[in-house]
Amino acid sequence: MLASGGDQYVLLFLLILNPWSEVNMAKAATASTTTGYCMKCKTQRQMRGAKPITMKNGRPATEGKCPECGTRMFRIGASK
């Protein structure tokens, strides 16, 4: 038996507006808000096309491009 009364609305809300649904997770995966320091612009900017990489020494890093000048940017450490 399905929940009754106000619980039905909560269940309906969770089914429709689930923030962890596959669609929302896909949007979150493509939306990158990783920031890094652009050596050419000399400012902190959000990386365009940020992707996690592993450096030669095995440490995690994030690589992307500066949205203004297109220079490659790196941020050492695991991506958030």
N, C-alpha and C. Protein backbone atom coordinates (compact mmCIF):
# COMPACT_ATOMS: atom_id res chain seq x y z
N MET A 1 0.83 -1.18 0.00
CA MET A 1 0.00 0.00 0.00
C MET A 1 0.88 1.25 0.00
N LEU A 2 0.51 2.21 -0.77
CA LEU A 2 1.24 3.46 -0.88
C LEU A 2 0.94 4.33 0.33
N ALA A 3 1.85 5.20 0.66
CA ALA A 3 1.66 6.10 1.80
C ALA A 3 0.41 6.95 1.58
N SER A 4 -0.21 7.34 2.67
CA SER A 4 -1.45 8.10 2.55
C SER A 4 -1.27 9.52 3.06
N GLY A 5 -2.21 10.37 2.73
CA GLY A 5 -2.22 11.74 3.23
C GLY A 5 -1.08 12.57 2.66
N GLY A 6 -0.42 13.33 3.53
CA GLY A 6 0.66 14.21 3.13
C GLY A 6 1.88 13.47 2.62
N ASP A 7 2.03 12.20 3.01
CA ASP A 7 3.18 11.42 2.56
C ASP A 7 3.17 11.19 1.05
N GLN A 8 1.98 11.16 0.46
CA GLN A 8 1.90 10.98 -1.00
C GLN A 8 2.55 12.15 -1.72
N TYR A 9 2.36 13.36 -1.18
CA TYR A 9 2.95 14.54 -1.80
C TYR A 9 4.46 14.52 -1.69
N VAL A 10 4.96 14.05 -0.56
CA VAL A 10 6.41 13.96 -0.37
C VAL A 10 6.99 12.95 -1.36
N LEU A 11 6.33 11.81 -1.50
CA LEU A 11 6.78 10.78 -2.43
C LEU A 11 6.74 11.30 -3.86
N LEU A 12 5.68 12.00 -4.22
CA LEU A 12 5.57 12.57 -5.56
C LEU A 12 6.67 13.60 -5.79
N PHE A 13 6.93 14.43 -4.79
CA PHE A 13 7.99 15.43 -4.89
C PHE A 13 9.34 14.75 -5.12
N LEU A 14 9.61 13.70 -4.38
CA LEU A 14 10.88 13.01 -4.52
C LEU A 14 11.03 12.35 -5.88
N LEU A 15 9.95 11.85 -6.42
CA LEU A 15 10.01 11.19 -7.72
C LEU A 15 10.19 12.20 -8.86
N ILE A 16 9.57 13.36 -8.75
CA ILE A 16 9.62 14.35 -9.82
C ILE A 16 10.87 15.22 -9.74
N LEU A 17 11.16 15.73 -8.55
CA LEU A 17 12.23 16.71 -8.41
C LEU A 17 13.46 16.14 -7.71
N ASN A 18 13.77 14.91 -7.97
CA ASN A 18 14.92 14.28 -7.34
C ASN A 18 16.21 14.94 -7.82
N PRO A 19 16.95 15.60 -6.95
CA PRO A 19 18.18 16.27 -7.39
C PRO A 19 19.27 15.30 -7.81
N TRP A 20 19.15 14.04 -7.47
CA TRP A 20 20.16 13.05 -7.83
C TRP A 20 19.73 12.19 -9.01
N SER A 21 18.75 12.66 -9.79
CA SER A 21 18.30 11.90 -10.93
C SER A 21 19.40 11.85 -11.98
N GLU A 22 19.30 10.96 -12.93
CA GLU A 22 20.32 10.79 -13.97
C GLU A 22 20.51 12.07 -14.79
N VAL A 23 19.43 12.77 -15.07
CA VAL A 23 19.53 14.00 -15.86
C VAL A 23 20.31 15.05 -15.10
N ASN A 24 19.97 15.25 -13.81
CA ASN A 24 20.66 16.26 -13.01
C ASN A 24 22.11 15.88 -12.76
N MET A 25 22.40 14.60 -12.60
CA MET A 25 23.78 14.18 -12.40
C MET A 25 24.60 14.42 -13.66
N ALA A 26 24.00 14.21 -14.84
CA ALA A 26 24.70 14.46 -16.09
C ALA A 26 25.00 15.95 -16.25
N LYS A 27 24.05 16.80 -15.87
CA LYS A 27 24.29 18.24 -15.94
C LYS A 27 25.40 18.65 -14.99
N ALA A 28 25.41 18.07 -13.80
CA ALA A 28 26.44 18.41 -12.81
C ALA A 28 27.81 17.95 -13.28
N ALA A 29 27.86 16.83 -13.99
CA ALA A 29 29.14 16.33 -14.47
C ALA A 29 29.70 17.21 -15.58
N THR A 30 28.83 17.78 -16.40
CA THR A 30 29.32 18.60 -17.50
C THR A 30 29.58 20.03 -17.07
N ALA A 31 28.93 20.49 -16.02
CA ALA A 31 29.13 21.86 -15.55
C ALA A 31 30.37 21.89 -14.67
N SER A 32 31.41 22.49 -15.15
CA SER A 32 32.66 22.54 -14.41
C SER A 32 32.85 23.91 -13.79
N THR A 33 33.11 23.93 -12.50
CA THR A 33 33.36 25.20 -11.84
C THR A 33 34.74 25.21 -11.21
N THR A 34 35.65 24.43 -11.77
CA THR A 34 37.01 24.38 -11.25
C THR A 34 37.75 25.65 -11.64
N THR A 35 38.40 26.24 -10.66
CA THR A 35 39.16 27.45 -10.94
C THR A 35 40.65 27.14 -10.92
N GLY A 36 41.39 27.96 -11.61
CA GLY A 36 42.84 27.84 -11.65
C GLY A 36 43.44 29.20 -11.95
N TYR A 37 44.74 29.28 -11.85
CA TYR A 37 45.43 30.54 -12.10
C TYR A 37 45.96 30.53 -13.52
N CYS A 38 45.58 31.55 -14.29
CA CYS A 38 46.07 31.68 -15.66
C CYS A 38 47.36 32.48 -15.61
N MET A 39 48.45 31.86 -16.07
CA MET A 39 49.75 32.53 -16.04
C MET A 39 49.83 33.68 -17.03
N LYS A 40 49.11 33.59 -18.11
CA LYS A 40 49.15 34.65 -19.13
C LYS A 40 48.32 35.87 -18.70
N CYS A 41 47.11 35.63 -18.20
CA CYS A 41 46.23 36.72 -17.75
C CYS A 41 46.60 37.21 -16.35
N LYS A 42 47.33 36.38 -15.61
CA LYS A 42 47.70 36.67 -14.22
C LYS A 42 46.48 36.90 -13.32
N THR A 43 45.46 36.08 -13.52
CA THR A 43 44.25 36.15 -12.69
C THR A 43 43.73 34.75 -12.42
N GLN A 44 42.88 34.64 -11.42
CA GLN A 44 42.19 33.39 -11.10
C GLN A 44 40.94 33.32 -11.97
N ARG A 45 40.78 32.25 -12.73
CA ARG A 45 39.62 32.11 -13.62
C ARG A 45 39.05 30.70 -13.54
N GLN A 46 37.80 30.57 -13.98
CA GLN A 46 37.20 29.24 -14.09
C GLN A 46 37.75 28.55 -15.33
N MET A 47 38.08 27.27 -15.19
CA MET A 47 38.61 26.51 -16.32
C MET A 47 37.50 26.13 -17.27
N ARG A 48 37.78 26.20 -18.55
CA ARG A 48 36.85 25.74 -19.57
C ARG A 48 37.29 24.34 -19.97
N GLY A 49 36.38 23.41 -19.99
CA GLY A 49 36.70 22.03 -20.39
C GLY A 49 37.61 21.34 -19.39
N ALA A 50 37.41 21.59 -18.10
CA ALA A 50 38.25 20.98 -17.07
C ALA A 50 38.04 19.48 -17.04
N LYS A 51 39.16 18.75 -16.95
CA LYS A 51 39.08 17.29 -16.86
C LYS A 51 40.15 16.79 -15.91
N PRO A 52 39.84 15.77 -15.12
CA PRO A 52 40.83 15.23 -14.19
C PRO A 52 41.90 14.44 -14.94
N ILE A 53 43.15 14.61 -14.53
CA ILE A 53 44.27 13.88 -15.13
C ILE A 53 45.14 13.35 -14.01
N THR A 54 46.10 12.50 -14.36
CA THR A 54 47.10 12.02 -13.43
C THR A 54 48.46 12.44 -13.96
N MET A 55 49.25 13.09 -13.13
CA MET A 55 50.57 13.55 -13.55
C MET A 55 51.54 12.37 -13.58
N LYS A 56 52.73 12.59 -14.11
CA LYS A 56 53.73 11.53 -14.23
C LYS A 56 54.08 10.92 -12.88
N ASN A 57 54.08 11.72 -11.83
CA ASN A 57 54.44 11.21 -10.51
C ASN A 57 53.27 10.52 -9.80
N GLY A 58 52.10 10.42 -10.47
CA GLY A 58 50.95 9.71 -9.93
C GLY A 58 49.97 10.58 -9.16
N ARG A 59 50.27 11.85 -8.99
CA ARG A 59 49.37 12.74 -8.26
C ARG A 59 48.22 13.20 -9.16
N PRO A 60 47.03 13.37 -8.58
CA PRO A 60 45.90 13.85 -9.37
C PRO A 60 46.02 15.34 -9.66
N ALA A 61 45.47 15.77 -10.77
CA ALA A 61 45.44 17.18 -11.15
C ALA A 61 44.24 17.41 -12.05
N THR A 62 43.97 18.67 -12.34
CA THR A 62 42.89 19.05 -13.24
C THR A 62 43.49 19.93 -14.33
N GLU A 63 43.12 19.64 -15.56
CA GLU A 63 43.63 20.40 -16.70
C GLU A 63 42.45 21.03 -17.43
N GLY A 64 42.62 22.26 -17.89
CA GLY A 64 41.59 22.95 -18.64
C GLY A 64 42.19 24.10 -19.42
N LYS A 65 41.33 24.96 -19.94
CA LYS A 65 41.79 26.12 -20.71
C LYS A 65 41.21 27.39 -20.11
N CYS A 66 41.94 28.47 -20.27
CA CYS A 66 41.47 29.78 -19.82
C CYS A 66 40.37 30.24 -20.78
N PRO A 67 39.23 30.68 -20.27
CA PRO A 67 38.15 31.11 -21.16
C PRO A 67 38.46 32.41 -21.91
N GLU A 68 39.40 33.19 -21.42
CA GLU A 68 39.73 34.47 -22.05
C GLU A 68 40.77 34.32 -23.16
N CYS A 69 41.91 33.69 -22.81
CA CYS A 69 43.02 33.65 -23.77
C CYS A 69 43.27 32.27 -24.36
N GLY A 70 42.70 31.22 -23.78
CA GLY A 70 42.86 29.88 -24.34
C GLY A 70 44.11 29.14 -23.88
N THR A 71 44.86 29.71 -22.96
CA THR A 71 46.07 29.08 -22.45
C THR A 71 45.70 27.87 -21.60
N ARG A 72 46.54 26.81 -21.67
CA ARG A 72 46.31 25.63 -20.84
C ARG A 72 46.52 26.00 -19.38
N MET A 73 45.62 25.51 -18.52
CA MET A 73 45.69 25.77 -17.08
C MET A 73 45.72 24.44 -16.35
N PHE A 74 46.40 24.41 -15.21
CA PHE A 74 46.47 23.22 -14.39
C PHE A 74 46.16 23.59 -12.96
N ARG A 75 45.57 22.63 -12.24
CA ARG A 75 45.37 22.77 -10.81
C ARG A 75 45.78 21.43 -10.21
N ILE A 76 46.81 21.46 -9.36
CA ILE A 76 47.30 20.23 -8.76
C ILE A 76 46.41 19.85 -7.60
N GLY A 77 46.09 18.59 -7.50
CA GLY A 77 45.20 18.06 -6.46
C GLY A 77 43.95 17.49 -7.09
N ALA A 78 43.24 16.69 -6.32
CA ALA A 78 42.02 16.05 -6.82
C ALA A 78 40.97 17.09 -7.16
N SER A 79 40.26 16.87 -8.26
CA SER A 79 39.20 17.80 -8.66
C SER A 79 38.01 17.63 -7.73
N LYS A 80 37.30 18.73 -7.49
CA LYS A 80 36.17 18.72 -6.55
C LYS A 80 34.87 18.53 -7.29
